[in-house]
């Protein structure tokens, strides 16, 4: 994987930049497809393996985040020092292989181990991709480019619930894991063939130690506000995304396919619109005042949260979909602006390591605790609320969006001081 020679300058034509962005988006789509497919399959997995909601939440959160969060740092450092595209390629192959193995799990602990493996692979995919995008795209286009890349979240999540639900209902849940895992293995060599390593400002042997990168970030208040705000958002976002299929089946009476179609449409319409809106607002408003890279997400969280609550508490599928649509878009607005801001807190040759430091906090808290805490709270509320316990557990979790909005609001002014132009 190590390349002792300087990176060959990659073409920077708009057409090739577009090709690179599409390939990175494809990989990121599989990242979330493999990550989120567990949510739609929770029902049949719970029934066959005899799991509790708390155990299901652990599979969706702690098992995945355990090494996903911590290994992101050394893998990002490896990417900064060697080849970012090779790290992404190998990571895709590893997480896809473990996703396929999830289809062979016969117990909670086997599934837990395979989900840890998925997290190990995905640890090397995201931070290097952020850095590749920042290397290929000029500063005034980065929020939009990163928002297009971030479309992998709603596209992959929608693909997970639609494909997972369809395959599980037509065949079985195990086949769904195996099919999407094998598809990812086929994409890995294609990605490496098409995407060339971008030129970088420094050679590999000039890379800065990750401890030094984190030291630079830790001294900046803007970094902490962004990281904590994103962590609160992700804790709620991952928790709700994982448990919403189960809520639709338990409290709204939908079957597996119905829940998949509901969520697939919600993610494709609301999620895609929100990600693109965030990228456009980030470049348009952040270009005038860097504080808006944090303030735009802050407003979005505060506006969207009450609509989510009313939707969860409603008793109509149609009304719930209408109420979810706007906040589903708003809670995705943060991706383009915040990810762009993180890339501008350090010099260019530290970007992958900076992104990994941000993701460590975001994922360890948000991804690690989100689905597990909702599941554990649902178990605790079951004696009092029965089948409706999950509904009230989700409502409680939605409060983290308000906390996310507060952190982002506080981070705006700090960004003006902390920004590094590159």
Protein backbone atom coordinates (compact mmCIF):
# COMPACT_ATOMS: atom_id res chain seq x y z
CA UNK A 1 0.00 0.00 0.00
CA UNK A 2 2.92 2.36 0.67
CA UNK A 3 4.07 4.39 -2.31
CA UNK A 4 7.60 5.77 -1.80
CA UNK A 5 7.29 8.23 -4.69
CA UNK A 6 5.44 11.52 -4.68
CA UNK A 7 1.84 11.36 -5.81
CA UNK A 8 1.45 11.85 -9.55
CA UNK A 9 -0.61 14.97 -10.23
CA UNK A 10 -4.12 13.90 -11.11
CA UNK A 11 -6.16 15.57 -13.84
CA UNK A 12 -8.11 18.48 -12.47
CA UNK A 13 -10.59 18.95 -15.28
CA UNK A 14 -14.22 19.42 -14.17
CA UNK A 15 -15.15 16.17 -15.94
CA UNK A 16 -12.60 14.08 -14.06
CA UNK A 17 -13.47 15.76 -10.76
CA UNK A 18 -17.04 14.69 -11.42
CA UNK A 19 -15.96 11.10 -12.06
CA UNK A 20 -13.96 11.03 -8.81
CA UNK A 21 -16.90 12.44 -6.87
CA UNK A 22 -19.31 9.88 -8.36
CA UNK A 23 -16.99 7.00 -7.45
CA UNK A 24 -16.53 8.27 -3.90
CA UNK A 25 -20.31 8.69 -3.65
CA UNK A 26 -20.79 5.09 -4.82
CA UNK A 27 -18.42 3.80 -2.15
CA UNK A 28 -20.08 5.94 0.53
CA UNK A 29 -23.49 4.66 -0.55
CA UNK A 30 -22.30 1.11 0.10
CA UNK A 31 -20.85 2.30 3.40
CA UNK A 32 -24.29 3.29 4.64
CA UNK A 33 -26.12 0.50 2.87
CA UNK A 34 -24.02 -2.06 4.74
CA UNK A 35 -24.22 -0.04 7.96
CA UNK A 36 -27.96 0.63 8.01
CA UNK A 37 -29.39 -2.58 6.55
CA UNK A 38 -29.47 -4.03 10.06
CA UNK A 39 -32.28 -1.64 11.03
CA UNK A 40 -34.84 -2.96 8.53
CA UNK A 41 -33.82 -6.55 9.31
CA UNK A 42 -34.06 -6.07 13.09
CA UNK A 43 -37.47 -7.75 13.32
CA UNK A 44 -36.62 -11.09 11.69
CA UNK A 45 -33.16 -11.13 13.31
CA UNK A 46 -34.68 -10.53 16.74
CA UNK A 47 -37.19 -13.33 16.20
CA UNK A 48 -34.70 -15.91 14.92
CA UNK A 49 -31.83 -15.18 17.32
CA UNK A 50 -34.05 -14.39 20.33
CA UNK A 51 -32.66 -10.93 21.04
CA UNK A 52 -33.87 -8.04 23.23
CA UNK A 53 -34.15 -4.44 22.02
CA UNK A 54 -31.03 -3.64 24.01
CA UNK A 55 -29.05 -6.33 22.21
CA UNK A 56 -30.33 -5.16 18.83
CA UNK A 57 -29.30 -1.62 19.71
CA UNK A 58 -25.84 -2.85 20.67
CA UNK A 59 -25.48 -4.55 17.27
CA UNK A 60 -26.46 -1.33 15.53
CA UNK A 61 -24.28 0.93 17.67
CA UNK A 62 -21.63 -0.33 20.07
CA UNK A 63 -20.58 -3.34 17.98
CA UNK A 64 -20.09 -1.18 14.93
CA UNK A 65 -18.62 1.89 16.63
CA UNK A 66 -16.25 -0.01 18.93
CA UNK A 67 -13.35 -0.09 16.46
CA UNK A 68 -14.89 2.07 13.74
CA UNK A 69 -14.29 5.18 15.82
CA UNK A 70 -10.86 4.35 17.22
CA UNK A 71 -9.28 2.82 14.10
CA UNK A 72 -10.31 5.82 12.00
CA UNK A 73 -7.38 7.77 13.48
CA UNK A 74 -4.51 5.40 12.56
CA UNK A 75 -6.08 4.57 9.19
CA UNK A 76 -6.42 8.27 8.37
CA UNK A 77 -2.80 8.80 9.36
CA UNK A 78 -1.84 5.90 7.09
CA UNK A 79 -3.86 7.52 4.29
CA UNK A 80 -2.14 10.89 4.81
CA UNK A 81 1.28 9.23 4.70
CA UNK A 82 0.72 6.73 1.88
CA UNK A 83 -2.19 6.47 -0.55
CA UNK A 84 -5.67 7.64 0.33
CA UNK A 85 -7.23 5.79 -2.60
CA UNK A 86 -5.64 2.48 -1.60
CA UNK A 87 -6.85 2.83 1.99
CA UNK A 88 -10.39 3.47 0.72
CA UNK A 89 -10.22 0.47 -1.64
CA UNK A 90 -9.02 -2.01 0.98
CA UNK A 91 -11.48 -0.66 3.53
CA UNK A 92 -14.40 -1.18 1.12
CA UNK A 93 -13.35 -4.79 0.54
CA UNK A 94 -13.02 -5.49 4.28
CA UNK A 95 -16.38 -4.05 5.34
CA UNK A 96 -18.17 -5.69 2.42
CA UNK A 97 -16.71 -9.08 3.33
CA UNK A 98 -17.85 -8.79 6.93
CA UNK A 99 -21.30 -7.64 5.82
CA UNK A 100 -21.63 -10.87 3.85
CA UNK A 101 -20.54 -12.83 6.92
CA UNK A 102 -23.37 -11.24 8.95
CA UNK A 103 -25.69 -13.41 6.88
CA UNK A 104 -24.09 -16.49 8.44
CA UNK A 105 -24.38 -15.47 12.11
CA UNK A 106 -26.09 -17.99 14.36
CA UNK A 107 -26.03 -16.10 17.67
CA UNK A 108 -25.83 -12.64 19.18
CA UNK A 109 -22.08 -12.86 19.76
CA UNK A 110 -21.34 -14.08 16.24
CA UNK A 111 -23.34 -11.20 14.80
CA UNK A 112 -21.62 -8.83 17.23
CA UNK A 113 -18.18 -9.99 16.02
CA UNK A 114 -19.13 -9.61 12.36
CA UNK A 115 -20.55 -6.13 12.98
CA UNK A 116 -17.26 -5.19 14.66
CA UNK A 117 -15.57 -6.34 11.44
CA UNK A 118 -17.85 -4.11 9.37
CA UNK A 119 -16.84 -1.20 11.59
CA UNK A 120 -13.14 -2.02 11.20
CA UNK A 121 -13.48 -1.82 7.43
CA UNK A 122 -15.56 1.34 7.36
CA UNK A 123 -13.08 3.08 9.67
CA UNK A 124 -10.80 3.62 6.67
CA UNK A 125 -13.38 4.87 4.21
CA UNK A 126 -14.74 8.25 5.25
CA UNK A 127 -11.89 10.46 6.48
CA UNK A 128 -9.61 9.74 3.49
CA UNK A 129 -12.56 10.43 1.17
CA UNK A 130 -13.08 13.86 2.73
CA UNK A 131 -9.40 14.59 2.13
CA UNK A 132 -9.51 13.39 -1.49
CA UNK A 133 -12.47 15.69 -2.20
CA UNK A 134 -10.70 18.63 -0.58
CA UNK A 135 -7.61 17.89 -2.69
CA UNK A 136 -9.57 17.80 -5.95
CA UNK A 137 -12.01 20.69 -5.39
CA UNK A 138 -11.19 24.37 -4.78
CA UNK A 139 -12.28 25.98 -1.52
CA UNK A 140 -15.34 27.78 -2.93
CA UNK A 141 -16.78 24.45 -4.20
CA UNK A 142 -15.97 22.17 -1.26
CA UNK A 143 -19.22 22.45 0.69
CA UNK A 144 -21.19 21.48 -2.41
CA UNK A 145 -18.77 18.68 -3.30
CA UNK A 146 -18.84 17.31 0.25
CA UNK A 147 -22.62 17.56 0.30
CA UNK A 148 -22.85 15.57 -2.94
CA UNK A 149 -20.54 12.97 -1.40
CA UNK A 150 -22.74 12.98 1.69
CA UNK A 151 -25.70 11.95 -0.47
CA UNK A 152 -24.30 8.49 0.20
CA UNK A 153 -25.96 8.69 3.62
CA UNK A 154 -29.59 8.98 2.47
CA UNK A 155 -28.99 6.95 -0.71
CA UNK A 156 -27.24 4.14 1.15
CA UNK A 157 -29.71 4.20 4.02
CA UNK A 158 -32.63 4.13 1.58
CA UNK A 159 -30.99 1.31 -0.37
CA UNK A 160 -30.49 -0.61 2.85
CA UNK A 161 -34.12 -0.44 3.91
CA UNK A 162 -35.53 -1.01 0.41
CA UNK A 163 -33.20 -3.81 -0.70
CA UNK A 164 -32.99 -5.34 2.76
CA UNK A 165 -36.74 -5.34 3.19
CA UNK A 166 -37.43 -6.70 -0.28
CA UNK A 167 -34.83 -9.49 -0.14
CA UNK A 168 -35.74 -10.45 3.42
CA UNK A 169 -39.43 -10.70 2.58
CA UNK A 170 -38.86 -12.47 -0.77
CA UNK A 171 -36.15 -14.85 0.48
CA UNK A 172 -34.74 -14.34 4.01
CA UNK A 173 -32.74 -11.81 6.02
CA UNK A 174 -29.47 -13.73 5.66
CA UNK A 175 -29.57 -13.45 1.87
CA UNK A 176 -29.87 -9.65 2.15
CA UNK A 177 -26.56 -9.37 4.03
CA UNK A 178 -24.77 -11.72 1.65
CA UNK A 179 -26.06 -9.96 -1.50
CA UNK A 180 -25.06 -6.43 -0.51
CA UNK A 181 -21.70 -7.61 0.86
CA UNK A 182 -20.75 -9.36 -2.38
CA UNK A 183 -21.82 -6.32 -4.40
CA UNK A 184 -19.40 -4.16 -2.42
CA UNK A 185 -16.56 -6.59 -3.08
CA UNK A 186 -17.14 -6.15 -6.82
CA UNK A 187 -17.01 -2.34 -6.55
CA UNK A 188 -13.62 -2.24 -4.75
CA UNK A 189 -11.31 -3.00 -7.72
CA UNK A 190 -13.36 -0.72 -10.00
CA UNK A 191 -12.85 2.17 -7.59
CA UNK A 192 -9.08 1.69 -7.46
CA UNK A 193 -8.91 1.46 -11.25
CA UNK A 194 -10.81 4.70 -11.86
CA UNK A 195 -9.75 7.04 -9.02
CA UNK A 196 -6.17 8.26 -9.13
CA UNK A 197 -4.27 9.53 -6.13
CA UNK A 198 -4.50 13.34 -6.06
CA UNK A 199 -1.42 15.53 -5.83
CA UNK A 200 -0.72 16.82 -2.34
CA UNK A 201 1.21 19.81 -0.98
CA UNK A 202 3.78 17.63 0.83
CA UNK A 203 5.43 14.26 0.35
CA UNK A 204 4.41 11.27 2.45
CA UNK A 205 7.52 11.41 4.63
CA UNK A 206 6.64 14.98 5.66
CA UNK A 207 3.36 13.93 7.26
CA UNK A 208 2.60 15.38 10.68
CA UNK A 209 1.99 12.96 13.59
CA UNK A 210 -1.68 12.53 14.40
CA UNK A 211 -1.03 13.69 17.97
CA UNK A 212 0.15 17.02 16.57
CA UNK A 213 -2.94 17.29 14.36
CA UNK A 214 -5.24 16.63 17.30
CA UNK A 215 -3.25 19.12 19.38
CA UNK A 216 -3.95 21.81 16.79
CA UNK A 217 -7.65 20.93 16.74
CA UNK A 218 -7.97 20.66 20.52
CA UNK A 219 -6.77 24.23 20.92
CA UNK A 220 -9.64 25.51 18.77
CA UNK A 221 -13.02 26.10 20.40
CA UNK A 222 -14.70 25.84 17.02
CA UNK A 223 -13.60 22.21 16.67
CA UNK A 224 -15.14 21.21 20.00
CA UNK A 225 -18.44 22.94 19.32
CA UNK A 226 -18.69 21.30 15.89
CA UNK A 227 -17.67 17.88 17.18
CA UNK A 228 -20.03 17.91 20.17
CA UNK A 229 -22.89 19.31 18.10
CA UNK A 230 -22.42 16.64 15.45
CA UNK A 231 -22.15 13.94 18.14
CA UNK A 232 -25.48 14.96 19.68
CA UNK A 233 -27.05 15.09 16.24
CA UNK A 234 -25.68 11.67 15.32
CA UNK A 235 -26.74 10.14 18.63
CA UNK A 236 -30.30 11.11 17.80
CA UNK A 237 -30.01 10.51 14.04
CA UNK A 238 -28.52 7.03 14.24
CA UNK A 239 -30.84 6.04 17.06
CA UNK A 240 -33.95 7.14 15.20
CA UNK A 241 -32.79 5.73 11.86
CA UNK A 242 -32.10 2.32 13.38
CA UNK A 243 -35.39 2.06 15.28
CA UNK A 244 -37.82 3.78 12.92
CA UNK A 245 -38.47 0.58 10.90
CA UNK A 246 -39.40 -1.24 14.11
CA UNK A 247 -41.62 1.68 15.20
CA UNK A 248 -43.47 1.60 11.87
CA UNK A 249 -44.12 -2.12 12.27
CA UNK A 250 -44.99 -2.07 15.98
CA UNK A 251 -47.02 1.13 16.28
CA UNK A 252 -48.22 1.92 12.74
CA UNK A 253 -49.00 -1.63 11.60
CA UNK A 254 -46.75 -1.75 8.52
CA UNK A 255 -45.13 -4.96 7.33
CA UNK A 256 -41.45 -5.32 6.37
CA UNK A 257 -41.92 -4.10 2.81
CA UNK A 258 -44.24 -1.28 3.86
CA UNK A 259 -41.71 0.00 6.40
CA UNK A 260 -38.94 -0.22 3.79
CA UNK A 261 -40.96 1.76 1.25
CA UNK A 262 -41.92 4.39 3.84
CA UNK A 263 -38.34 4.95 4.92
CA UNK A 264 -36.88 4.63 1.44
CA UNK A 265 -39.15 7.39 0.12
CA UNK A 266 -38.51 9.53 3.19
CA UNK A 267 -34.74 9.27 2.80
CA UNK A 268 -34.69 9.73 -0.96
CA UNK A 269 -36.92 12.82 -0.90
CA UNK A 270 -36.14 14.47 2.42
CA UNK A 271 -32.59 13.25 2.95
CA UNK A 272 -31.31 14.08 -0.54
CA UNK A 273 -32.96 17.51 -0.49
CA UNK A 274 -31.45 18.32 2.91
CA UNK A 275 -27.92 17.30 1.99
CA UNK A 276 -27.97 19.34 -1.23
CA UNK A 277 -29.54 22.33 0.52
CA UNK A 278 -26.83 22.26 3.18
CA UNK A 279 -24.05 22.26 0.60
CA UNK A 280 -25.59 25.17 -1.30
CA UNK A 281 -26.21 27.21 1.86
CA UNK A 282 -22.73 26.44 3.15
CA UNK A 283 -20.98 27.78 0.06
CA UNK A 284 -23.40 30.70 -0.41
CA UNK A 285 -23.54 31.96 3.18
CA UNK A 286 -20.23 30.65 4.50
CA UNK A 287 -18.40 32.50 1.75
CA UNK A 288 -19.61 35.76 3.30
CA UNK A 289 -19.21 34.82 6.96
CA UNK A 290 -17.55 31.60 8.19
CA UNK A 291 -19.89 31.53 11.19
CA UNK A 292 -22.73 30.37 8.94
CA UNK A 293 -21.01 27.01 8.46
CA UNK A 294 -22.20 26.32 12.04
CA UNK A 295 -25.26 28.59 12.24
CA UNK A 296 -27.06 27.03 9.27
CA UNK A 297 -27.11 23.57 10.96
CA UNK A 298 -28.07 25.14 14.30
CA UNK A 299 -31.25 26.65 12.88
CA UNK A 300 -32.08 23.44 11.01
CA UNK A 301 -31.97 21.29 14.15
CA UNK A 302 -34.16 23.61 16.20
CA UNK A 303 -36.79 23.93 13.46
CA UNK A 304 -36.89 20.23 12.60
CA UNK A 305 -37.06 18.62 16.06
CA UNK A 306 -40.68 19.54 17.00
CA UNK A 307 -42.02 18.22 13.69
CA UNK A 308 -40.28 14.90 14.30
CA UNK A 309 -41.88 14.64 17.74
CA UNK A 310 -45.39 15.27 16.43
CA UNK A 311 -44.85 12.70 13.67
CA UNK A 312 -43.68 10.00 16.09
CA UNK A 313 -46.70 10.62 18.34
CA UNK A 314 -49.23 10.60 15.50
CA UNK A 315 -51.44 7.60 14.76
CA UNK A 316 -51.64 7.98 10.97
CA UNK A 317 -49.05 6.65 8.51
CA UNK A 318 -49.81 9.39 5.98
CA UNK A 319 -49.63 12.17 8.56
CA UNK A 320 -46.40 10.77 9.98
CA UNK A 321 -44.79 10.74 6.52
CA UNK A 322 -45.81 14.35 5.86
CA UNK A 323 -44.54 15.46 9.27
CA UNK A 324 -41.25 13.57 8.92
CA UNK A 325 -40.43 14.90 5.46
CA UNK A 326 -39.30 18.43 6.39
CA UNK A 327 -37.26 17.53 9.50
CA UNK A 328 -35.70 14.60 7.64
CA UNK A 329 -34.30 17.17 5.24
CA UNK A 330 -33.31 19.65 7.95
CA UNK A 331 -31.29 17.20 10.05
CA UNK A 332 -29.12 16.40 7.01
CA UNK A 333 -28.31 20.05 6.30
CA UNK A 334 -25.27 19.98 8.62
CA UNK A 335 -23.17 17.62 6.52
CA UNK A 336 -21.81 19.92 3.81
CA UNK A 337 -21.17 23.01 5.98
CA UNK A 338 -19.70 21.24 9.02
CA UNK A 339 -17.51 18.80 7.10
CA UNK A 340 -16.16 21.70 5.07
CA UNK A 341 -15.42 23.67 8.23
CA UNK A 342 -13.50 20.76 9.77
CA UNK A 343 -11.32 20.55 6.65
CA UNK A 344 -10.45 24.22 7.14
CA UNK A 345 -9.32 23.96 10.75
CA UNK A 346 -5.91 22.56 9.73
CA UNK A 347 -3.46 22.89 6.80
CA UNK A 348 -4.19 20.81 3.70
CA UNK A 349 -1.77 17.94 4.42
CA UNK A 350 -3.50 17.21 7.74
CA UNK A 351 -7.05 16.91 6.39
CA UNK A 352 -7.60 13.16 6.63
CA UNK A 353 -6.25 13.09 10.19
CA UNK A 354 -8.41 16.10 11.12
CA UNK A 355 -11.51 14.43 9.68
CA UNK A 356 -10.72 11.24 11.61
CA UNK A 357 -10.32 13.19 14.86
CA UNK A 358 -13.72 14.78 14.28
CA UNK A 359 -15.28 11.43 13.39
CA UNK A 360 -13.80 9.80 16.50
CA UNK A 361 -15.87 12.06 18.75
CA UNK A 362 -18.90 12.08 16.49
CA UNK A 363 -19.12 8.33 16.07
CA UNK A 364 -17.96 7.17 19.48
CA UNK A 365 -20.76 9.17 21.09
CA UNK A 366 -23.37 9.34 18.33
CA UNK A 367 -23.06 6.02 16.58
CA UNK A 368 -21.90 4.09 19.62
CA UNK A 369 -24.66 5.21 21.98
CA UNK A 370 -27.53 6.21 19.69
CA UNK A 371 -29.23 2.95 18.75
CA UNK A 372 -28.23 1.22 22.00
CA UNK A 373 -29.64 3.96 24.26
CA UNK A 374 -32.97 4.02 22.42
CA UNK A 375 -33.20 0.23 22.60
CA UNK A 376 -32.26 0.12 26.28
CA UNK A 377 -34.80 2.86 27.10
CA UNK A 378 -37.44 0.95 25.15
CA UNK A 379 -36.74 -2.16 27.26
CA UNK A 380 -36.99 -0.07 30.45
CA UNK A 381 -40.31 1.49 29.40
CA UNK A 382 -41.89 -1.75 28.20
CA UNK A 383 -43.41 -2.73 31.58
CA UNK A 384 -45.28 0.58 31.67
CA UNK A 385 -46.07 1.18 27.97
CA UNK A 386 -45.92 -2.24 26.34
CA UNK A 387 -45.63 -2.16 22.56
CA UNK A 388 -45.66 1.67 22.60
CA UNK A 389 -42.46 1.86 24.67
CA UNK A 390 -40.32 2.32 21.57
CA UNK A 391 -42.40 5.35 20.52
CA UNK A 392 -41.65 7.19 23.78
CA UNK A 393 -37.99 6.15 23.76
CA UNK A 394 -37.60 7.80 20.33
CA UNK A 395 -39.35 10.97 21.52
CA UNK A 396 -36.89 11.21 24.42
CA UNK A 397 -33.93 10.77 22.06
CA UNK A 398 -35.11 13.61 19.81
CA UNK A 399 -34.17 16.08 22.54
CA UNK A 400 -30.54 15.67 21.49
CA UNK A 401 -31.30 17.70 18.35
CA UNK A 402 -31.89 20.76 20.53
CA UNK A 403 -28.57 20.20 22.27
CA UNK A 404 -26.89 19.85 18.87
CA UNK A 405 -28.40 23.16 17.81
CA UNK A 406 -27.01 24.85 20.92
CA UNK A 407 -23.46 23.60 20.31
CA UNK A 408 -23.57 24.66 16.65
CA UNK A 409 -24.89 28.11 17.56
CA UNK A 410 -21.99 28.57 19.97
CA UNK A 411 -19.49 27.40 17.36
CA UNK A 412 -20.24 30.04 14.74
CA UNK A 413 -18.13 32.89 16.08
CA UNK A 414 -15.26 30.55 16.93
CA UNK A 415 -14.99 29.49 13.29
CA UNK A 416 -14.18 33.06 12.25
CA UNK A 417 -11.01 32.87 14.33
CA UNK A 418 -10.13 29.22 13.76
CA UNK A 419 -10.47 29.11 9.95
CA UNK A 420 -7.41 28.10 7.89
CA UNK A 421 -7.61 29.19 4.25
CA UNK A 422 -6.37 26.63 1.72
